[in-house]
Amino acid sequence: MKGSSLATVVLIAIISTIVAALVVNAILGDPNEESVTVSYMDVISTDVIQPDREVFNNRAVNPTVEVYVGECRPGEVWDEDRQACVEAPEGDESEAGNDEAEE
């Protein structure tokens, strides 16, 4: 590369850097002129309220409890308390205890 070509590349790099700095300064502005408003948080209360009984109850879903996956035989339903299939009560025609959905 000749000396004049090297000087031209250096001159173009310097001009490009100056132009880029001016453009960025025009877009972002001077950081010393920026003002910021700060919002403060409310004081945290020490009062404890009762949790919602629909969510926190003894029948709520607990991911740490072993889950039965399968299908009870015809005439049986899943008993949550015993964690087993039991004979369906008389007059109960529902199959709500079966885990497989009908398609």
PDB file of N, CA and C in Angstrom:
ATOM      1  N   MET A   1       0.859  -1.165   0.000  1.00  0.00           N
ATOM      2  CA  MET A   1       0.000   0.000   0.000  1.00  0.00           C
ATOM      3  C   MET A   1       0.911   1.235   0.000  1.00  0.00           C
ATOM      4  N   LYS A   2       0.583   2.176  -0.811  1.00  0.00           N
ATOM      5  CA  LYS A   2       1.382   3.388  -0.919  1.00  0.00           C
ATOM      6  C   LYS A   2       1.073   4.325   0.244  1.00  0.00           C
ATOM      7  N   GLY A   3       1.937   5.258   0.482  1.00  0.00           N
ATOM      8  CA  GLY A   3       1.787   6.219   1.572  1.00  0.00           C
ATOM      9  C   GLY A   3       0.545   7.076   1.433  1.00  0.00           C
ATOM     10  N   SER A   4       0.222   7.452   0.210  1.00  0.00           N
ATOM     11  CA  SER A   4      -0.953   8.300   0.007  1.00  0.00           C
ATOM     12  C   SER A   4      -2.238   7.521   0.263  1.00  0.00           C
ATOM     13  N   SER A   5      -2.260   6.243  -0.091  1.00  0.00           N
ATOM     14  CA  SER A   5      -3.444   5.408   0.170  1.00  0.00           C
ATOM     15  C   SER A   5      -3.637   5.211   1.672  1.00  0.00           C
ATOM     16  N   LEU A   6      -2.537   4.999   2.382  1.00  0.00           N
ATOM     17  CA  LEU A   6      -2.606   4.828   3.837  1.00  0.00           C
ATOM     18  C   LEU A   6      -3.103   6.103   4.492  1.00  0.00           C
ATOM     19  N   ALA A   7      -2.642   7.242   4.047  1.00  0.00           N
ATOM     20  CA  ALA A   7      -3.090   8.529   4.601  1.00  0.00           C
ATOM     21  C   ALA A   7      -4.570   8.745   4.330  1.00  0.00           C
ATOM     22  N   THR A   8      -5.037   8.347   3.153  1.00  0.00           N
ATOM     23  CA  THR A   8      -6.461   8.487   2.816  1.00  0.00           C
ATOM     24  C   THR A   8      -7.319   7.609   3.719  1.00  0.00           C
ATOM     25  N   VAL A   9      -6.904   6.373   3.972  1.00  0.00           N
ATOM     26  CA  VAL A   9      -7.649   5.456   4.843  1.00  0.00           C
ATOM     27  C   VAL A   9      -7.700   6.010   6.260  1.00  0.00           C
ATOM     28  N   VAL A  10      -6.592   6.519   6.765  1.00  0.00           N
ATOM     29  CA  VAL A  10      -6.552   7.094   8.112  1.00  0.00           C
ATOM     30  C   VAL A  10      -7.440   8.325   8.182  1.00  0.00           C
ATOM     31  N   LEU A  11      -7.423   9.178   7.170  1.00  0.00           N
ATOM     32  CA  LEU A  11      -8.268  10.375   7.149  1.00  0.00           C
ATOM     33  C   LEU A  11      -9.754  10.001   7.132  1.00  0.00           C
ATOM     34  N   ILE A  12     -10.117   9.025   6.329  1.00  0.00           N
ATOM     35  CA  ILE A  12     -11.520   8.575   6.272  1.00  0.00           C
ATOM     36  C   ILE A  12     -11.943   7.977   7.617  1.00  0.00           C
ATOM     37  N   ALA A  13     -11.067   7.215   8.274  1.00  0.00           N
ATOM     38  CA  ALA A  13     -11.386   6.631   9.582  1.00  0.00           C
ATOM     39  C   ALA A  13     -11.600   7.720  10.624  1.00  0.00           C
ATOM     40  N   ILE A  14     -10.767   8.746  10.623  1.00  0.00           N
ATOM     41  CA  ILE A  14     -10.904   9.843  11.587  1.00  0.00           C
ATOM     42  C   ILE A  14     -12.202  10.600  11.347  1.00  0.00           C
ATOM     43  N   ILE A  15     -12.502  10.914  10.090  1.00  0.00           N
ATOM     44  CA  ILE A  15     -13.737  11.642   9.774  1.00  0.00           C
ATOM     45  C   ILE A  15     -14.962  10.797  10.133  1.00  0.00           C
ATOM     46  N   SER A  16     -14.923   9.502   9.846  1.00  0.00           N
ATOM     47  CA  SER A  16     -16.046   8.608  10.181  1.00  0.00           C
ATOM     48  C   SER A  16     -16.268   8.553  11.679  1.00  0.00           C
ATOM     49  N   THR A  17     -15.205   8.505  12.466  1.00  0.00           N
ATOM     50  CA  THR A  17     -15.330   8.468  13.921  1.00  0.00           C
ATOM     51  C   THR A  17     -15.942   9.752  14.449  1.00  0.00           C
ATOM     52  N   ILE A  18     -15.528  10.882  13.924  1.00  0.00           N
ATOM     53  CA  ILE A  18     -16.080  12.172  14.365  1.00  0.00           C
ATOM     54  C   ILE A  18     -17.563  12.274  14.001  1.00  0.00           C
ATOM     55  N   VAL A  19     -17.902  11.887  12.778  1.00  0.00           N
ATOM     56  CA  VAL A  19     -19.308  11.934  12.351  1.00  0.00           C
ATOM     57  C   VAL A  19     -20.158  10.999  13.219  1.00  0.00           C
ATOM     58  N   ALA A  20     -19.663   9.790  13.492  1.00  0.00           N
ATOM     59  CA  ALA A  20     -20.408   8.842  14.332  1.00  0.00           C
ATOM     60  C   ALA A  20     -20.610   9.395  15.733  1.00  0.00           C
ATOM     61  N   ALA A  21     -19.605  10.032  16.302  1.00  0.00           N
ATOM     62  CA  ALA A  21     -19.725  10.617  17.638  1.00  0.00           C
ATOM     63  C   ALA A  21     -20.755  11.733  17.646  1.00  0.00           C
ATOM     64  N   LEU A  22     -20.769  12.573  16.620  1.00  0.00           N
ATOM     65  CA  LEU A  22     -21.746  13.661  16.544  1.00  0.00           C
ATOM     66  C   LEU A  22     -23.175  13.133  16.388  1.00  0.00           C
ATOM     67  N   VAL A  23     -23.340  12.093  15.575  1.00  0.00           N
ATOM     68  CA  VAL A  23     -24.677  11.508  15.372  1.00  0.00           C
ATOM     69  C   VAL A  23     -25.184  10.883  16.661  1.00  0.00           C
ATOM     70  N   VAL A  24     -24.332  10.134  17.347  1.00  0.00           N
ATOM     71  CA  VAL A  24     -24.743   9.500  18.610  1.00  0.00           C
ATOM     72  C   VAL A  24     -25.078  10.559  19.645  1.00  0.00           C
ATOM     73  N   ASN A  25     -24.306  11.606  19.731  1.00  0.00           N
ATOM     74  CA  ASN A  25     -24.572  12.680  20.677  1.00  0.00           C
ATOM     75  C   ASN A  25     -25.886  13.383  20.347  1.00  0.00           C
ATOM     76  N   ALA A  26     -26.193  13.541  19.045  1.00  0.00           N
ATOM     77  CA  ALA A  26     -27.453  14.172  18.646  1.00  0.00           C
ATOM     78  C   ALA A  26     -28.646  13.283  18.982  1.00  0.00           C
ATOM     79  N   ILE A  27     -28.492  11.973  18.844  1.00  0.00           N
ATOM     80  CA  ILE A  27     -29.598  11.041  19.126  1.00  0.00           C
ATOM     81  C   ILE A  27     -29.811  10.887  20.626  1.00  0.00           C
ATOM     82  N   LEU A  28     -28.747  10.619  21.369  1.00  0.00           N
ATOM     83  CA  LEU A  28     -28.875  10.348  22.799  1.00  0.00           C
ATOM     84  C   LEU A  28     -28.896  11.615  23.647  1.00  0.00           C
ATOM     85  N   GLY A  29     -28.273  12.652  23.201  1.00  0.00           N
ATOM     86  CA  GLY A  29     -28.227  13.890  23.971  1.00  0.00           C
ATOM     87  C   GLY A  29     -27.139  13.840  25.032  1.00  0.00           C
ATOM     88  N   ASP A  30     -27.050  14.929  25.764  1.00  0.00           N
ATOM     89  CA  ASP A  30     -26.042  15.040  26.817  1.00  0.00           C
ATOM     90  C   ASP A  30     -26.571  14.385  28.089  1.00  0.00           C
ATOM     91  N   PRO A  31     -25.870  13.395  28.634  1.00  0.00           N
ATOM     92  CA  PRO A  31     -26.371  12.714  29.833  1.00  0.00           C
ATOM     93  C   PRO A  31     -26.405  13.618  31.065  1.00  0.00           C
ATOM     94  N   ASN A  32     -25.647  14.708  31.081  1.00  0.00           N
ATOM     95  CA  ASN A  32     -25.657  15.611  32.232  1.00  0.00           C
ATOM     96  C   ASN A  32     -26.928  16.440  32.301  1.00  0.00           C
ATOM     97  N   GLU A  33     -27.624  16.585  31.171  1.00  0.00           N
ATOM     98  CA  GLU A  33     -28.837  17.384  31.130  1.00  0.00           C
ATOM     99  C   GLU A  33     -30.098  16.574  31.450  1.00  0.00           C
ATOM    100  N   GLU A  34     -29.987  15.277  31.566  1.00  0.00           N
ATOM    101  CA  GLU A  34     -31.141  14.420  31.825  1.00  0.00           C
ATOM    102  C   GLU A  34     -31.595  14.547  33.276  1.00  0.00           C
ATOM    103  N   SER A  35     -32.903  14.556  33.467  1.00  0.00           N
ATOM    104  CA  SER A  35     -33.435  14.573  34.833  1.00  0.00           C
ATOM    105  C   SER A  35     -34.191  13.272  35.071  1.00  0.00           C
ATOM    106  N   VAL A  36     -34.145  12.826  36.288  1.00  0.00           N
ATOM    107  CA  VAL A  36     -34.772  11.553  36.647  1.00  0.00           C
ATOM    108  C   VAL A  36     -35.669  11.778  37.847  1.00  0.00           C
ATOM    109  N   THR A  37     -36.882  11.226  37.790  1.00  0.00           N
ATOM    110  CA  THR A  37     -37.761  11.265  38.960  1.00  0.00           C
ATOM    111  C   THR A  37     -37.741   9.890  39.608  1.00  0.00           C
ATOM    112  N   VAL A  38     -37.667   9.876  40.910  1.00  0.00           N
ATOM    113  CA  VAL A  38     -37.592   8.635  41.661  1.00  0.00           C
ATOM    114  C   VAL A  38     -38.877   8.465  42.441  1.00  0.00           C
ATOM    115  N   SER A  39     -39.494   7.292  42.305  1.00  0.00           N
ATOM    116  CA  SER A  39     -40.692   7.010  43.098  1.00  0.00           C
ATOM    117  C   SER A  39     -40.301   6.093  44.255  1.00  0.00           C
ATOM    118  N   TYR A  40     -40.891   6.351  45.391  1.00  0.00           N
ATOM    119  CA  TYR A  40     -40.566   5.576  46.581  1.00  0.00           C
ATOM    120  C   TYR A  40     -41.643   4.537  46.833  1.00  0.00           C
ATOM    121  N   MET A  41     -41.235   3.407  47.368  1.00  0.00           N
ATOM    122  CA  MET A  41     -42.181   2.322  47.657  1.00  0.00           C
ATOM    123  C   MET A  41     -42.959   2.626  48.922  1.00  0.00           C
ATOM    124  N   ASP A  42     -44.154   2.067  48.997  1.00  0.00           N
ATOM    125  CA  ASP A  42     -44.942   2.174  50.213  1.00  0.00           C
ATOM    126  C   ASP A  42     -44.319   1.315  51.304  1.00  0.00           C
ATOM    127  N   VAL A  43     -44.607   1.637  52.516  1.00  0.00           N
ATOM    128  CA  VAL A  43     -44.098   0.870  53.644  1.00  0.00           C
ATOM    129  C   VAL A  43     -44.749  -0.509  53.637  1.00  0.00           C
ATOM    130  N   ILE A  44     -43.962  -1.536  53.856  1.00  0.00           N
ATOM    131  CA  ILE A  44     -44.484  -2.899  53.889  1.00  0.00           C
ATOM    132  C   ILE A  44     -45.141  -3.139  55.240  1.00  0.00           C
ATOM    133  N   SER A  45     -46.372  -3.633  55.179  1.00  0.00           N
ATOM    134  CA  SER A  45     -47.133  -3.871  56.397  1.00  0.00           C
ATOM    135  C   SER A  45     -46.696  -5.170  57.063  1.00  0.00           C
ATOM    136  N   THR A  46     -46.731  -5.198  58.380  1.00  0.00           N
ATOM    137  CA  THR A  46     -46.384  -6.418  59.116  1.00  0.00           C
ATOM    138  C   THR A  46     -47.613  -7.245  59.429  1.00  0.00           C
ATOM    139  N   ASP A  47     -48.803  -6.781  59.009  1.00  0.00           N
ATOM    140  CA  ASP A  47     -50.029  -7.535  59.251  1.00  0.00           C
ATOM    141  C   ASP A  47     -50.069  -8.771  58.356  1.00  0.00           C
ATOM    142  N   VAL A  48     -50.521  -9.882  58.912  1.00  0.00           N
ATOM    143  CA  VAL A  48     -50.645 -11.129  58.162  1.00  0.00           C
ATOM    144  C   VAL A  48     -52.127 -11.408  57.978  1.00  0.00           C
ATOM    145  N   ILE A  49     -52.524 -11.628  56.722  1.00  0.00           N
ATOM    146  CA  ILE A  49     -53.927 -11.935  56.464  1.00  0.00           C
ATOM    147  C   ILE A  49     -54.073 -13.427  56.199  1.00  0.00           C
ATOM    148  N   GLN A  50     -55.262 -13.944  56.417  1.00  0.00           N
ATOM    149  CA  GLN A  50     -55.529 -15.359  56.181  1.00  0.00           C
ATOM    150  C   GLN A  50     -55.474 -15.633  54.675  1.00  0.00           C
ATOM    151  N   PRO A  51     -54.865 -16.746  54.269  1.00  0.00           N
ATOM    152  CA  PRO A  51     -54.834 -17.081  52.839  1.00  0.00           C
ATOM    153  C   PRO A  51     -56.221 -17.501  52.359  1.00  0.00           C
ATOM    154  N   ASP A  52     -56.415 -17.433  51.050  1.00  0.00           N
ATOM    155  CA  ASP A  52     -57.686 -17.798  50.445  1.00  0.00           C
ATOM    156  C   ASP A  52     -57.937 -19.293  50.651  1.00  0.00           C
ATOM    157  N   ARG A  53     -59.086 -19.639  51.210  1.00  0.00           N
ATOM    158  CA  ARG A  53     -59.390 -21.040  51.509  1.00  0.00           C
ATOM    159  C   ARG A  53     -59.647 -21.863  50.249  1.00  0.00           C
ATOM    160  N   GLU A  54     -59.957 -21.224  49.129  1.00  0.00           N
ATOM    161  CA  GLU A  54     -60.151 -21.977  47.887  1.00  0.00           C
ATOM    162  C   GLU A  54     -58.820 -22.477  47.344  1.00  0.00           C
ATOM    163  N   VAL A  55     -57.753 -21.757  47.589  1.00  0.00           N
ATOM    164  CA  VAL A  55     -56.450 -22.157  47.088  1.00  0.00           C
ATOM    165  C   VAL A  55     -55.711 -23.021  48.111  1.00  0.00           C
ATOM    166  N   PHE A  56     -55.692 -22.600  49.354  1.00  0.00           N
ATOM    167  CA  PHE A  56     -54.966 -23.310  50.399  1.00  0.00           C
ATOM    168  C   PHE A  56     -55.957 -24.141  51.212  1.00  0.00           C
ATOM    169  N   ASN A  57     -56.194 -25.359  50.765  1.00  0.00           N
ATOM    170  CA  ASN A  57     -57.087 -26.256  51.491  1.00  0.00           C
ATOM    171  C   ASN A  57     -56.508 -27.659  51.453  1.00  0.00           C
ATOM    172  N   ASN A  58     -57.127 -28.556  52.187  1.00  0.00           N
ATOM    173  CA  ASN A  58     -56.582 -29.912  52.273  1.00  0.00           C
ATOM    174  C   ASN A  58     -56.822 -30.722  51.000  1.00  0.00           C
ATOM    175  N   ARG A  59     -57.607 -30.224  50.068  1.00  0.00           N
ATOM    176  CA  ARG A  59     -57.854 -30.932  48.815  1.00  0.00           C
ATOM    177  C   ARG A  59     -57.141 -30.263  47.634  1.00  0.00           C
ATOM    178  N   ALA A  60     -56.306 -29.273  47.901  1.00  0.00           N
ATOM    179  CA  ALA A  60     -55.603 -28.575  46.831  1.00  0.00           C
ATOM    180  C   ALA A  60     -54.572 -29.499  46.181  1.00  0.00           C
ATOM    181  N   VAL A  61     -54.206 -29.199  44.945  1.00  0.00           N
ATOM    182  CA  VAL A  61     -53.232 -30.000  44.219  1.00  0.00           C
ATOM    183  C   VAL A  61     -51.865 -29.819  44.867  1.00  0.00           C
ATOM    184  N   ASN A  62     -51.235 -30.924  45.198  1.00  0.00           N
ATOM    185  CA  ASN A  62     -49.915 -30.903  45.806  1.00  0.00           C
ATOM    186  C   ASN A  62     -48.973 -31.667  44.883  1.00  0.00           C
ATOM    187  N   PRO A  63     -48.016 -31.008  44.236  1.00  0.00           N
ATOM    188  CA  PRO A  63     -47.154 -31.699  43.281  1.00  0.00           C
ATOM    189  C   PRO A  63     -46.198 -32.695  43.923  1.00  0.00           C
ATOM    190  N   THR A  64     -46.081 -32.706  45.245  1.00  0.00           N
ATOM    191  CA  THR A  64     -45.183 -33.648  45.890  1.00  0.00           C
ATOM    192  C   THR A  64     -45.861 -34.965  46.242  1.00  0.00           C
ATOM    193  N   VAL A  65     -47.183 -35.036  46.041  1.00  0.00           N
ATOM    194  CA  VAL A  65     -47.916 -36.251  46.365  1.00  0.00           C
ATOM    195  C   VAL A  65     -47.925 -37.155  45.146  1.00  0.00           C
ATOM    196  N   GLU A  66     -47.774 -38.470  45.373  1.00  0.00           N
ATOM    197  CA  GLU A  66     -47.803 -39.424  44.279  1.00  0.00           C
ATOM    198  C   GLU A  66     -49.162 -39.375  43.593  1.00  0.00           C
ATOM    199  N   VAL A  67     -49.133 -39.376  42.277  1.00  0.00           N
ATOM    200  CA  VAL A  67     -50.361 -39.248  41.495  1.00  0.00           C
ATOM    201  C   VAL A  67     -50.655 -40.573  40.817  1.00  0.00           C
ATOM    202  N   TYR A  68     -51.915 -40.990  40.851  1.00  0.00           N
ATOM    203  CA  TYR A  68     -52.340 -42.203  40.177  1.00  0.00           C
ATOM    204  C   TYR A  68     -52.619 -41.863  38.727  1.00  0.00           C
ATOM    205  N   VAL A  69     -51.964 -42.579  37.825  1.00  0.00           N
ATOM    206  CA  VAL A  69     -52.204 -42.378  36.395  1.00  0.00           C
ATOM    207  C   VAL A  69     -52.674 -43.710  35.837  1.00  0.00           C
ATOM    208  N   GLY A  70     -53.822 -43.710  35.271  1.00  0.00           N
ATOM    209  CA  GLY A  70     -54.366 -44.937  34.708  1.00  0.00           C
ATOM    210  C   GLY A  70     -55.863 -44.851  34.638  1.00  0.00           C
ATOM    211  N   GLU A  71     -56.498 -45.992  34.486  1.00  0.00           N
ATOM    212  CA  GLU A  71     -57.942 -46.010  34.350  1.00  0.00           C
ATOM    213  C   GLU A  71     -58.495 -47.075  35.296  1.00  0.00           C
ATOM    214  N   CYS A  72     -59.533 -46.692  35.999  1.00  0.00           N
ATOM    215  CA  CYS A  72     -60.208 -47.661  36.855  1.00  0.00           C
ATOM    216  C   CYS A  72     -61.051 -48.574  35.977  1.00  0.00           C
ATOM    217  N   ARG A  73     -61.302 -49.766  36.477  1.00  0.00           N
ATOM    218  CA  ARG A  73     -62.143 -50.710  35.738  1.00  0.00           C
ATOM    219  C   ARG A  73     -63.578 -50.194  35.682  1.00  0.00           C
ATOM    220  N   PRO A  74     -64.373 -50.700  34.760  1.00  0.00           N
ATOM    221  CA  PRO A  74     -65.778 -50.279  34.692  1.00  0.00           C
ATOM    222  C   PRO A  74     -66.485 -50.531  36.016  1.00  0.00           C
ATOM    223  N   GLY A  75     -67.246 -49.568  36.456  1.00  0.00           N
ATOM    224  CA  GLY A  75     -67.960 -49.679  37.726  1.00  0.00           C
ATOM    225  C   GLY A  75     -67.155 -49.192  38.914  1.00  0.00           C
ATOM    226  N   GLU A  76     -65.942 -48.703  38.671  1.00  0.00           N
ATOM    227  CA  GLU A  76     -65.107 -48.190  39.750  1.00  0.00           C
ATOM    228  C   GLU A  76     -64.830 -46.702  39.532  1.00  0.00           C
ATOM    229  N   VAL A  77     -64.548 -46.000  40.612  1.00  0.00           N
ATOM    230  CA  VAL A  77     -64.155 -44.597  40.560  1.00  0.00           C
ATOM    231  C   VAL A  77     -62.916 -44.419  41.418  1.00  0.00           C
ATOM    232  N   TRP A  78     -62.178 -43.361  41.147  1.00  0.00           N
ATOM    233  CA  TRP A  78     -60.958 -43.077  41.907  1.00  0.00           C
ATOM    234  C   TRP A  78     -61.323 -42.396  43.219  1.00  0.00           C
ATOM    235  N   ASP A  79     -60.852 -42.951  44.336  1.00  0.00           N
ATOM    236  CA  ASP A  79     -61.101 -42.388  45.660  1.00  0.00           C
ATOM    237  C   ASP A  79     -59.860 -41.605  46.077  1.00  0.00           C
ATOM    238  N   GLU A  80     -60.018 -40.284  46.221  1.00  0.00           N
ATOM    239  CA  GLU A  80     -58.896 -39.416  46.579  1.00  0.00           C
ATOM    240  C   GLU A  80     -58.324 -39.755  47.954  1.00  0.00           C
ATOM    241  N   ASP A  81     -59.205 -40.085  48.906  1.00  0.00           N
ATOM    242  CA  ASP A  81     -58.739 -40.341  50.269  1.00  0.00           C
ATOM    243  C   ASP A  81     -57.938 -41.632  50.356  1.00  0.00           C
ATOM    244  N   ARG A  82     -58.411 -42.678  49.717  1.00  0.00           N
ATOM    245  CA  ARG A  82     -57.729 -43.981  49.787  1.00  0.00           C
ATOM    246  C   ARG A  82     -56.626 -44.113  48.750  1.00  0.00           C
ATOM    247  N   GLN A  83     -56.649 -43.216  47.742  1.00  0.00           N
ATOM    248  CA  GLN A  83     -55.683 -43.269  46.653  1.00  0.00           C
ATOM    249  C   GLN A  83     -55.753 -44.622  45.936  1.00  0.00           C
ATOM    250  N   ALA A  84     -56.972 -45.051  45.631  1.00  0.00           N
ATOM    251  CA  ALA A  84     -57.180 -46.324  44.948  1.00  0.00           C
ATOM    252  C   ALA A  84     -58.528 -46.301  44.249  1.00  0.00           C
ATOM    253  N   CYS A  85     -58.725 -47.252  43.325  1.00  0.00           N
ATOM    254  CA  CYS A  85     -60.014 -47.411  42.667  1.00  0.00           C
ATOM    255  C   CYS A  85     -60.945 -48.155  43.614  1.00  0.00           C
ATOM    256  N   VAL A  86     -62.175 -47.678  43.742  1.00  0.00           N
ATOM    257  CA  VAL A  86     -63.169 -48.319  44.606  1.00  0.00           C
ATOM    258  C   VAL A  86     -64.461 -48.478  43.813  1.00  0.00           C
ATOM    259  N   GLU A  87     -65.343 -49.335  44.305  1.00  0.00           N
ATOM    260  CA  GLU A  87     -66.635 -49.535  43.664  1.00  0.00           C
ATOM    261  C   GLU A  87     -67.393 -48.222  43.653  1.00  0.00           C
ATOM    262  N   ALA A  88     -68.034 -47.917  42.535  1.00  0.00           N
ATOM    263  CA  ALA A  88     -68.804 -46.684  42.416  1.00  0.00           C
ATOM    264  C   ALA A  88     -70.044 -46.771  43.290  1.00  0.00           C
ATOM    265  N   PRO A  89     -70.399 -45.680  43.969  1.00  0.00           N
ATOM    266  CA  PRO A  89     -71.623 -45.687  44.759  1.00  0.00           C
ATOM    267  C   PRO A  89     -72.828 -45.907  43.850  1.00  0.00           C
ATOM    268  N   GLU A  90     -73.860 -46.540  44.392  1.00  0.00           N
ATOM    269  CA  GLU A  90     -75.054 -46.807  43.595  1.00  0.00           C
ATOM    270  C   GLU A  90     -75.684 -45.500  43.166  1.00  0.00           C
ATOM    271  N   GLY A  91     -76.147 -45.472  41.915  1.00  0.00           N
ATOM    272  CA  GLY A  91     -76.781 -44.268  41.397  1.00  0.00           C
ATOM    273  C   GLY A  91     -75.793 -43.273  40.832  1.00  0.00           C
ATOM    274  N   ASP A  92     -74.486 -43.514  40.991  1.00  0.00           N
ATOM    275  CA  ASP A  92     -73.470 -42.605  40.448  1.00  0.00           C
ATOM    276  C   ASP A  92     -73.028 -43.131  39.100  1.00  0.00           C
ATOM    277  N   GLU A  93     -73.577 -42.585  38.032  1.00  0.00           N
ATOM    278  CA  GLU A  93     -73.275 -43.036  36.676  1.00  0.00           C
ATOM    279  C   GLU A  93     -72.100 -42.287  36.072  1.00  0.00           C
ATOM    280  N   SER A  94     -71.577 -41.274  36.788  1.00  0.00           N
ATOM    281  CA  SER A  94     -70.502 -40.459  36.216  1.00  0.00           C
ATOM    282  C   SER A  94     -69.207 -41.229  36.194  1.00  0.00           C
ATOM    283  N   GLU A  95     -68.361 -40.886  35.248  1.00  0.00           N
ATOM    284  CA  GLU A  95     -67.035 -41.487  35.157  1.00  0.00           C
ATOM    285  C   GLU A  95     -65.990 -40.400  35.425  1.00  0.00           C
ATOM    286  N   ALA A  96     -66.262 -39.528  36.394  1.00  0.00           N
ATOM    287  CA  ALA A  96     -65.371 -38.408  36.679  1.00  0.00           C
ATOM    288  C   ALA A  96     -64.043 -38.880  37.231  1.00  0.00           C
ATOM    289  N   GLY A  97     -64.002 -40.063  37.842  1.00  0.00           N
ATOM    290  CA  GLY A  97     -62.767 -40.549  38.433  1.00  0.00           C
ATOM    291  C   GLY A  97     -61.809 -41.127  37.423  1.00  0.00           C
ATOM    292  N   ASN A  98     -62.289 -41.455  36.219  1.00  0.00           N
ATOM    293  CA  ASN A  98     -61.405 -42.018  35.215  1.00  0.00           C
ATOM    294  C   ASN A  98     -60.504 -40.930  34.662  1.00  0.00           C
ATOM    295  N   ASP A  99     -59.220 -41.275  34.470  1.00  0.00           N
ATOM    296  CA  ASP A  99     -58.246 -40.289  34.021  1.00  0.00           C
ATOM    297  C   ASP A  99     -58.229 -40.140  32.514  1.00  0.00           C
ATOM    298  N   GLU A 100     -58.709 -41.140  31.760  1.00  0.00           N
ATOM    299  CA  GLU A 100     -58.674 -41.060  30.304  1.00  0.00           C
ATOM    300  C   GLU A 100     -59.884 -40.336  29.807  1.00  0.00           C
ATOM    301  N   ALA A 101     -59.680 -39.348  28.965  1.00  0.00           N
ATOM    302  CA  ALA A 101     -60.794 -38.565  28.419  1.00  0.00           C
ATOM    303  C   ALA A 101     -61.368 -39.300  27.219  1.00  0.00           C
ATOM    304  N   GLU A 102     -62.671 -39.218  27.054  1.00  0.00           N
ATOM    305  CA  GLU A 102     -63.299 -39.843  25.909  1.00  0.00           C
ATOM    306  C   GLU A 102     -63.045 -38.994  24.688  1.00  0.00           C
ATOM    307  N   GLU A 103     -62.782 -39.632  23.564  1.00  0.00           N
ATOM    308  CA  GLU A 103     -62.500 -38.893  22.337  1.00  0.00           C
ATOM    309  C   GLU A 103     -63.633 -39.047  21.371  1.00  0.00           C
TER     310      GLU A 103
END
